[in-house]
Amino acid sequence: MSRAGLRTTEFWTTLATQAIAVLTLLGIVNSSDANSLRDALTQCVTAGGIFLANAWVVVRYIQSRTHLKTEYSSRSA
């Protein structure tokens, strides 16, 4: 399954990691805190991806059930 780069969790994880690296180079984030922050952001991106995938499954399920019930009610009328 091929997806556009912006739609992958790998892209967003890499973007977050690179942003932390730039902030560390600029002295905004201490290098000792960078690893903890990187781990936390990686987990947040992953959790967000899982949440969106699960939400899509629920939406598709509701759509299919609505379609079936609409079709059934139109046949029995």
PDB file of N, CA and C in Angstrom:
ATOM      1  N   MET A   1       0.853  -1.183   0.000  1.00  0.00           N
ATOM      2  CA  MET A   1       0.000   0.000   0.000  1.00  0.00           C
ATOM      3  C   MET A   1       0.892   1.237   0.000  1.00  0.00           C
ATOM      4  N   SER A   2       0.731   2.073  -0.981  1.00  0.00           N
ATOM      5  CA  SER A   2       1.555   3.262  -1.121  1.00  0.00           C
ATOM      6  C   SER A   2       0.745   4.491  -0.709  1.00  0.00           C
ATOM      7  N   ARG A   3       1.340   5.288   0.159  1.00  0.00           N
ATOM      8  CA  ARG A   3       0.679   6.514   0.605  1.00  0.00           C
ATOM      9  C   ARG A   3       1.601   7.695   0.361  1.00  0.00           C
ATOM     10  N   ALA A   4       1.025   8.859   0.229  1.00  0.00           N
ATOM     11  CA  ALA A   4       1.825  10.073   0.100  1.00  0.00           C
ATOM     12  C   ALA A   4       2.638  10.262   1.371  1.00  0.00           C
ATOM     13  N   GLY A   5       3.838  10.785   1.233  1.00  0.00           N
ATOM     14  CA  GLY A   5       4.751  10.940   2.360  1.00  0.00           C
ATOM     15  C   GLY A   5       4.173  11.692   3.544  1.00  0.00           C
ATOM     16  N   LEU A   6       3.377  12.711   3.281  1.00  0.00           N
ATOM     17  CA  LEU A   6       2.816  13.505   4.377  1.00  0.00           C
ATOM     18  C   LEU A   6       1.780  12.746   5.188  1.00  0.00           C
ATOM     19  N   ARG A   7       1.312  11.617   4.690  1.00  0.00           N
ATOM     20  CA  ARG A   7       0.268  10.856   5.378  1.00  0.00           C
ATOM     21  C   ARG A   7       0.833   9.706   6.189  1.00  0.00           C
ATOM     22  N   THR A   8       2.142   9.624   6.366  1.00  0.00           N
ATOM     23  CA  THR A   8       2.731   8.508   7.098  1.00  0.00           C
ATOM     24  C   THR A   8       3.214   8.962   8.468  1.00  0.00           C
ATOM     25  N   THR A   9       3.156   8.049   9.426  1.00  0.00           N
ATOM     26  CA  THR A   9       3.682   8.372  10.759  1.00  0.00           C
ATOM     27  C   THR A   9       5.203   8.501  10.723  1.00  0.00           C
ATOM     28  N   GLU A  10       5.849   7.810   9.789  1.00  0.00           N
ATOM     29  CA  GLU A  10       7.300   7.915   9.678  1.00  0.00           C
ATOM     30  C   GLU A  10       7.719   9.350   9.338  1.00  0.00           C
ATOM     31  N   PHE A  11       6.969   9.980   8.445  1.00  0.00           N
ATOM     32  CA  PHE A  11       7.268  11.367   8.082  1.00  0.00           C
ATOM     33  C   PHE A  11       7.168  12.273   9.298  1.00  0.00           C
ATOM     34  N   TRP A  12       6.067  12.166  10.027  1.00  0.00           N
ATOM     35  CA  TRP A  12       5.847  13.054  11.166  1.00  0.00           C
ATOM     36  C   TRP A  12       6.824  12.777  12.306  1.00  0.00           C
ATOM     37  N   THR A  13       7.187  11.511  12.496  1.00  0.00           N
ATOM     38  CA  THR A  13       8.178  11.178  13.519  1.00  0.00           C
ATOM     39  C   THR A  13       9.535  11.768  13.143  1.00  0.00           C
ATOM     40  N   THR A  14       9.902  11.635  11.885  1.00  0.00           N
ATOM     41  CA  THR A  14      11.173  12.195  11.420  1.00  0.00           C
ATOM     42  C   THR A  14      11.172  13.711  11.535  1.00  0.00           C
ATOM     43  N   LEU A  15      10.065  14.350  11.180  1.00  0.00           N
ATOM     44  CA  LEU A  15       9.953  15.800  11.290  1.00  0.00           C
ATOM     45  C   LEU A  15      10.113  16.259  12.739  1.00  0.00           C
ATOM     46  N   ALA A  16       9.456  15.568  13.664  1.00  0.00           N
ATOM     47  CA  ALA A  16       9.560  15.921  15.087  1.00  0.00           C
ATOM     48  C   ALA A  16      10.985  15.730  15.596  1.00  0.00           C
ATOM     49  N   THR A  17      11.620  14.645  15.177  1.00  0.00           N
ATOM     50  CA  THR A  17      12.988  14.372  15.600  1.00  0.00           C
ATOM     51  C   THR A  17      13.944  15.431  15.069  1.00  0.00           C
ATOM     52  N   GLN A  18      13.772  15.814  13.824  1.00  0.00           N
ATOM     53  CA  GLN A  18      14.642  16.837  13.240  1.00  0.00           C
ATOM     54  C   GLN A  18      14.403  18.206  13.879  1.00  0.00           C
ATOM     55  N   ALA A  19      13.161  18.493  14.237  1.00  0.00           N
ATOM     56  CA  ALA A  19      12.860  19.758  14.915  1.00  0.00           C
ATOM     57  C   ALA A  19      13.556  19.811  16.271  1.00  0.00           C
ATOM     58  N   ILE A  20      13.564  18.703  16.982  1.00  0.00           N
ATOM     59  CA  ILE A  20      14.258  18.660  18.276  1.00  0.00           C
ATOM     60  C   ILE A  20      15.760  18.830  18.076  1.00  0.00           C
ATOM     61  N   ALA A  21      16.293  18.219  17.022  1.00  0.00           N
ATOM     62  CA  ALA A  21      17.724  18.364  16.738  1.00  0.00           C
ATOM     63  C   ALA A  21      18.087  19.822  16.463  1.00  0.00           C
ATOM     64  N   VAL A  22      17.247  20.513  15.703  1.00  0.00           N
ATOM     65  CA  VAL A  22      17.504  21.931  15.420  1.00  0.00           C
ATOM     66  C   VAL A  22      17.409  22.754  16.690  1.00  0.00           C
ATOM     67  N   LEU A  23      16.409  22.482  17.522  1.00  0.00           N
ATOM     68  CA  LEU A  23      16.273  23.212  18.791  1.00  0.00           C
ATOM     69  C   LEU A  23      17.468  22.956  19.712  1.00  0.00           C
ATOM     70  N   THR A  24      18.013  21.758  19.659  1.00  0.00           N
ATOM     71  CA  THR A  24      19.198  21.431  20.460  1.00  0.00           C
ATOM     72  C   THR A  24      20.412  22.188  19.933  1.00  0.00           C
ATOM     73  N   LEU A  25      20.562  22.231  18.624  1.00  0.00           N
ATOM     74  CA  LEU A  25      21.685  22.964  18.025  1.00  0.00           C
ATOM     75  C   LEU A  25      21.612  24.459  18.322  1.00  0.00           C
ATOM     76  N   LEU A  26      20.420  24.999  18.391  1.00  0.00           N
ATOM     77  CA  LEU A  26      20.234  26.414  18.690  1.00  0.00           C
ATOM     78  C   LEU A  26      20.364  26.723  20.180  1.00  0.00           C
ATOM     79  N   GLY A  27      20.438  25.689  21.006  1.00  0.00           N
ATOM     80  CA  GLY A  27      20.592  25.881  22.445  1.00  0.00           C
ATOM     81  C   GLY A  27      19.274  26.103  23.168  1.00  0.00           C
ATOM     82  N   ILE A  28      18.165  25.922  22.494  1.00  0.00           N
ATOM     83  CA  ILE A  28      16.850  26.105  23.113  1.00  0.00           C
ATOM     84  C   ILE A  28      16.515  24.909  23.994  1.00  0.00           C
ATOM     85  N   VAL A  29      16.934  23.729  23.584  1.00  0.00           N
ATOM     86  CA  VAL A  29      16.708  22.496  24.335  1.00  0.00           C
ATOM     87  C   VAL A  29      18.073  21.946  24.744  1.00  0.00           C
ATOM     88  N   ASN A  30      18.198  21.551  26.015  1.00  0.00           N
ATOM     89  CA  ASN A  30      19.439  20.930  26.475  1.00  0.00           C
ATOM     90  C   ASN A  30      19.603  19.565  25.827  1.00  0.00           C
ATOM     91  N   SER A  31      20.834  19.179  25.569  1.00  0.00           N
ATOM     92  CA  SER A  31      21.062  17.877  24.934  1.00  0.00           C
ATOM     93  C   SER A  31      20.626  16.733  25.851  1.00  0.00           C
ATOM     94  N   SER A  32      20.675  16.949  27.164  1.00  0.00           N
ATOM     95  CA  SER A  32      20.227  15.904  28.090  1.00  0.00           C
ATOM     96  C   SER A  32      18.706  15.728  28.043  1.00  0.00           C
ATOM     97  N   ASP A  33      17.990  16.794  27.751  1.00  0.00           N
ATOM     98  CA  ASP A  33      16.530  16.723  27.654  1.00  0.00           C
ATOM     99  C   ASP A  33      16.060  16.282  26.271  1.00  0.00           C
ATOM    100  N   ALA A  34      16.915  16.362  25.278  1.00  0.00           N
ATOM    101  CA  ALA A  34      16.517  16.081  23.891  1.00  0.00           C
ATOM    102  C   ALA A  34      16.053  14.642  23.724  1.00  0.00           C
ATOM    103  N   ASN A  35      16.728  13.686  24.351  1.00  0.00           N
ATOM    104  CA  ASN A  35      16.328  12.276  24.206  1.00  0.00           C
ATOM    105  C   ASN A  35      14.948  12.018  24.791  1.00  0.00           C
ATOM    106  N   SER A  36      14.695  12.555  25.965  1.00  0.00           N
ATOM    107  CA  SER A  36      13.368  12.376  26.581  1.00  0.00           C
ATOM    108  C   SER A  36      12.284  13.031  25.744  1.00  0.00           C
ATOM    109  N   LEU A  37      12.567  14.227  25.250  1.00  0.00           N
ATOM    110  CA  LEU A  37      11.598  14.935  24.419  1.00  0.00           C
ATOM    111  C   LEU A  37      11.368  14.201  23.102  1.00  0.00           C
ATOM    112  N   ARG A  38      12.419  13.663  22.522  1.00  0.00           N
ATOM    113  CA  ARG A  38      12.299  12.902  21.271  1.00  0.00           C
ATOM    114  C   ARG A  38      11.430  11.664  21.472  1.00  0.00           C
ATOM    115  N   ASP A  39      11.679  10.952  22.566  1.00  0.00           N
ATOM    116  CA  ASP A  39      10.865   9.758  22.852  1.00  0.00           C
ATOM    117  C   ASP A  39       9.398  10.111  23.063  1.00  0.00           C
ATOM    118  N   ALA A  40       9.148  11.184  23.802  1.00  0.00           N
ATOM    119  CA  ALA A  40       7.760  11.595  24.073  1.00  0.00           C
ATOM    120  C   ALA A  40       7.048  12.009  22.789  1.00  0.00           C
ATOM    121  N   LEU A  41       7.720  12.768  21.940  1.00  0.00           N
ATOM    122  CA  LEU A  41       7.096  13.198  20.688  1.00  0.00           C
ATOM    123  C   LEU A  41       6.857  12.020  19.744  1.00  0.00           C
ATOM    124  N   THR A  42       7.777  11.074  19.724  1.00  0.00           N
ATOM    125  CA  THR A  42       7.600   9.881  18.892  1.00  0.00           C
ATOM    126  C   THR A  42       6.372   9.101  19.342  1.00  0.00           C
ATOM    127  N   GLN A  43       6.209   8.957  20.647  1.00  0.00           N
ATOM    128  CA  GLN A  43       5.039   8.246  21.160  1.00  0.00           C
ATOM    129  C   GLN A  43       3.748   9.014  20.861  1.00  0.00           C
ATOM    130  N   CYS A  44       3.787  10.329  20.930  1.00  0.00           N
ATOM    131  CA  CYS A  44       2.597  11.133  20.615  1.00  0.00           C
ATOM    132  C   CYS A  44       2.217  11.004  19.146  1.00  0.00           C
ATOM    133  N   VAL A  45       3.200  11.048  18.257  1.00  0.00           N
ATOM    134  CA  VAL A  45       2.916  10.904  16.824  1.00  0.00           C
ATOM    135  C   VAL A  45       2.337   9.529  16.539  1.00  0.00           C
ATOM    136  N   THR A  46       2.927   8.499  17.145  1.00  0.00           N
ATOM    137  CA  THR A  46       2.433   7.139  16.946  1.00  0.00           C
ATOM    138  C   THR A  46       1.008   6.997  17.472  1.00  0.00           C
ATOM    139  N   ALA A  47       0.753   7.529  18.661  1.00  0.00           N
ATOM    140  CA  ALA A  47      -0.599   7.460  19.229  1.00  0.00           C
ATOM    141  C   ALA A  47      -1.604   8.207  18.359  1.00  0.00           C
ATOM    142  N   GLY A  48      -1.201   9.351  17.819  1.00  0.00           N
ATOM    143  CA  GLY A  48      -2.086  10.100  16.929  1.00  0.00           C
ATOM    144  C   GLY A  48      -2.424   9.310  15.668  1.00  0.00           C
ATOM    145  N   GLY A  49      -1.423   8.638  15.110  1.00  0.00           N
ATOM    146  CA  GLY A  49      -1.666   7.806  13.932  1.00  0.00           C
ATOM    147  C   GLY A  49      -2.613   6.662  14.226  1.00  0.00           C
ATOM    148  N   ILE A  50      -2.421   6.026  15.363  1.00  0.00           N
ATOM    149  CA  ILE A  50      -3.305   4.917  15.754  1.00  0.00           C
ATOM    150  C   ILE A  50      -4.727   5.425  15.988  1.00  0.00           C
ATOM    151  N   PHE A  51      -4.846   6.573  16.626  1.00  0.00           N
ATOM    152  CA  PHE A  51      -6.162   7.151  16.870  1.00  0.00           C
ATOM    153  C   PHE A  51      -6.886   7.438  15.557  1.00  0.00           C
ATOM    154  N   LEU A  52      -6.185   8.046  14.604  1.00  0.00           N
ATOM    155  CA  LEU A  52      -6.809   8.368  13.317  1.00  0.00           C
ATOM    156  C   LEU A  52      -7.219   7.102  12.556  1.00  0.00           C
ATOM    157  N   ALA A  53      -6.377   6.083  12.609  1.00  0.00           N
ATOM    158  CA  ALA A  53      -6.719   4.825  11.937  1.00  0.00           C
ATOM    159  C   ALA A  53      -7.960   4.203  12.566  1.00  0.00           C
ATOM    160  N   ASN A  54      -8.029   4.194  13.881  1.00  0.00           N
ATOM    161  CA  ASN A  54      -9.201   3.635  14.564  1.00  0.00           C
ATOM    162  C   ASN A  54     -10.450   4.466  14.296  1.00  0.00           C
ATOM    163  N   ALA A  55     -10.295   5.778  14.260  1.00  0.00           N
ATOM    164  CA  ALA A  55     -11.440   6.643  13.971  1.00  0.00           C
ATOM    165  C   ALA A  55     -11.959   6.369  12.565  1.00  0.00           C
ATOM    166  N   TRP A  56     -11.065   6.137  11.609  1.00  0.00           N
ATOM    167  CA  TRP A  56     -11.476   5.836  10.236  1.00  0.00           C
ATOM    168  C   TRP A  56     -12.259   4.525  10.182  1.00  0.00           C
ATOM    169  N   VAL A  57     -11.815   3.531  10.942  1.00  0.00           N
ATOM    170  CA  VAL A  57     -12.528   2.251  10.982  1.00  0.00           C
ATOM    171  C   VAL A  57     -13.940   2.456  11.529  1.00  0.00           C
ATOM    172  N   VAL A  58     -14.080   3.226  12.572  1.00  0.00           N
ATOM    173  CA  VAL A  58     -15.400   3.477  13.173  1.00  0.00           C
ATOM    174  C   VAL A  58     -16.301   4.221  12.192  1.00  0.00           C
ATOM    175  N   VAL A  59     -15.758   5.222  11.526  1.00  0.00           N
ATOM    176  CA  VAL A  59     -16.551   5.985  10.562  1.00  0.00           C
ATOM    177  C   VAL A  59     -17.024   5.079   9.438  1.00  0.00           C
ATOM    178  N   ARG A  60     -16.148   4.258   8.897  1.00  0.00           N
ATOM    179  CA  ARG A  60     -16.531   3.348   7.807  1.00  0.00           C
ATOM    180  C   ARG A  60     -17.575   2.332   8.281  1.00  0.00           C
ATOM    181  N   TYR A  61     -17.455   1.847   9.507  1.00  0.00           N
ATOM    182  CA  TYR A  61     -18.433   0.908  10.045  1.00  0.00           C
ATOM    183  C   TYR A  61     -19.808   1.571  10.145  1.00  0.00           C
ATOM    184  N   ILE A  62     -19.844   2.776  10.670  1.00  0.00           N
ATOM    185  CA  ILE A  62     -21.111   3.492  10.812  1.00  0.00           C
ATOM    186  C   ILE A  62     -21.726   3.752   9.434  1.00  0.00           C
ATOM    187  N   GLN A  63     -20.897   4.121   8.466  1.00  0.00           N
ATOM    188  CA  GLN A  63     -21.411   4.347   7.115  1.00  0.00           C
ATOM    189  C   GLN A  63     -21.999   3.071   6.520  1.00  0.00           C
ATOM    190  N   SER A  64     -21.318   1.956   6.717  1.00  0.00           N
ATOM    191  CA  SER A  64     -21.830   0.708   6.143  1.00  0.00           C
ATOM    192  C   SER A  64     -23.122   0.265   6.834  1.00  0.00           C
ATOM    193  N   ARG A  65     -23.199   0.425   8.142  1.00  0.00           N
ATOM    194  CA  ARG A  65     -24.425   0.068   8.855  1.00  0.00           C
ATOM    195  C   ARG A  65     -25.584   0.970   8.440  1.00  0.00           C
ATOM    196  N   THR A  66     -25.316   2.258   8.279  1.00  0.00           N
ATOM    197  CA  THR A  66     -26.355   3.187   7.843  1.00  0.00           C
ATOM    198  C   THR A  66     -26.848   2.811   6.453  1.00  0.00           C
ATOM    199  N   HIS A  67     -25.929   2.473   5.572  1.00  0.00           N
ATOM    200  CA  HIS A  67     -26.308   2.065   4.216  1.00  0.00           C
ATOM    201  C   HIS A  67     -27.178   0.809   4.255  1.00  0.00           C
ATOM    202  N   LEU A  68     -26.784  -0.179   5.042  1.00  0.00           N
ATOM    203  CA  LEU A  68     -27.567  -1.411   5.131  1.00  0.00           C
ATOM    204  C   LEU A  68     -28.961  -1.159   5.699  1.00  0.00           C
ATOM    205  N   LYS A  69     -29.034  -0.349   6.737  1.00  0.00           N
ATOM    206  CA  LYS A  69     -30.338  -0.085   7.345  1.00  0.00           C
ATOM    207  C   LYS A  69     -31.236   0.738   6.413  1.00  0.00           C
ATOM    208  N   THR A  70     -30.655   1.661   5.683  1.00  0.00           N
ATOM    209  CA  THR A  70     -31.427   2.444   4.730  1.00  0.00           C
ATOM    210  C   THR A  70     -31.936   1.559   3.622  1.00  0.00           C
ATOM    211  N   GLU A  71     -31.084   0.680   3.133  1.00  0.00           N
ATOM    212  CA  GLU A  71     -31.477  -0.237   2.068  1.00  0.00           C
ATOM    213  C   GLU A  71     -32.568  -1.194   2.548  1.00  0.00           C
ATOM    214  N   TYR A  72     -32.448  -1.705   3.758  1.00  0.00           N
ATOM    215  CA  TYR A  72     -33.441  -2.637   4.323  1.00  0.00           C
ATOM    216  C   TYR A  72     -34.785  -1.941   4.516  1.00  0.00           C
ATOM    217  N   SER A  73     -34.762  -0.717   5.033  1.00  0.00           N
ATOM    218  CA  SER A  73     -36.021  -0.015   5.287  1.00  0.00           C
ATOM    219  C   SER A  73     -36.722   0.362   3.988  1.00  0.00           C
ATOM    220  N   SER A  74     -35.963   0.631   2.929  1.00  0.00           N
ATOM    221  CA  SER A  74     -36.591   0.985   1.659  1.00  0.00           C
ATOM    222  C   SER A  74     -37.209  -0.243   0.988  1.00  0.00           C
ATOM    223  N   ARG A  75     -36.640  -1.418   1.231  1.00  0.00           N
ATOM    224  CA  ARG A  75     -37.197  -2.652   0.659  1.00  0.00           C
ATOM    225  C   ARG A  75     -38.456  -3.101   1.380  1.00  0.00           C
ATOM    226  N   SER A  76     -38.518  -2.861   2.695  1.00  0.00           N
ATOM    227  CA  SER A  76     -39.683  -3.338   3.439  1.00  0.00           C
ATOM    228  C   SER A  76     -40.840  -2.343   3.397  1.00  0.00           C
ATOM    229  N   ALA A  77     -40.604  -1.181   2.858  1.00  0.00           N
ATOM    230  CA  ALA A  77     -41.701  -0.186   2.776  1.00  0.00           C
ATOM    231  C   ALA A  77     -42.581  -0.394   1.574  1.00  0.00           C
TER     232      ALA A  77
END
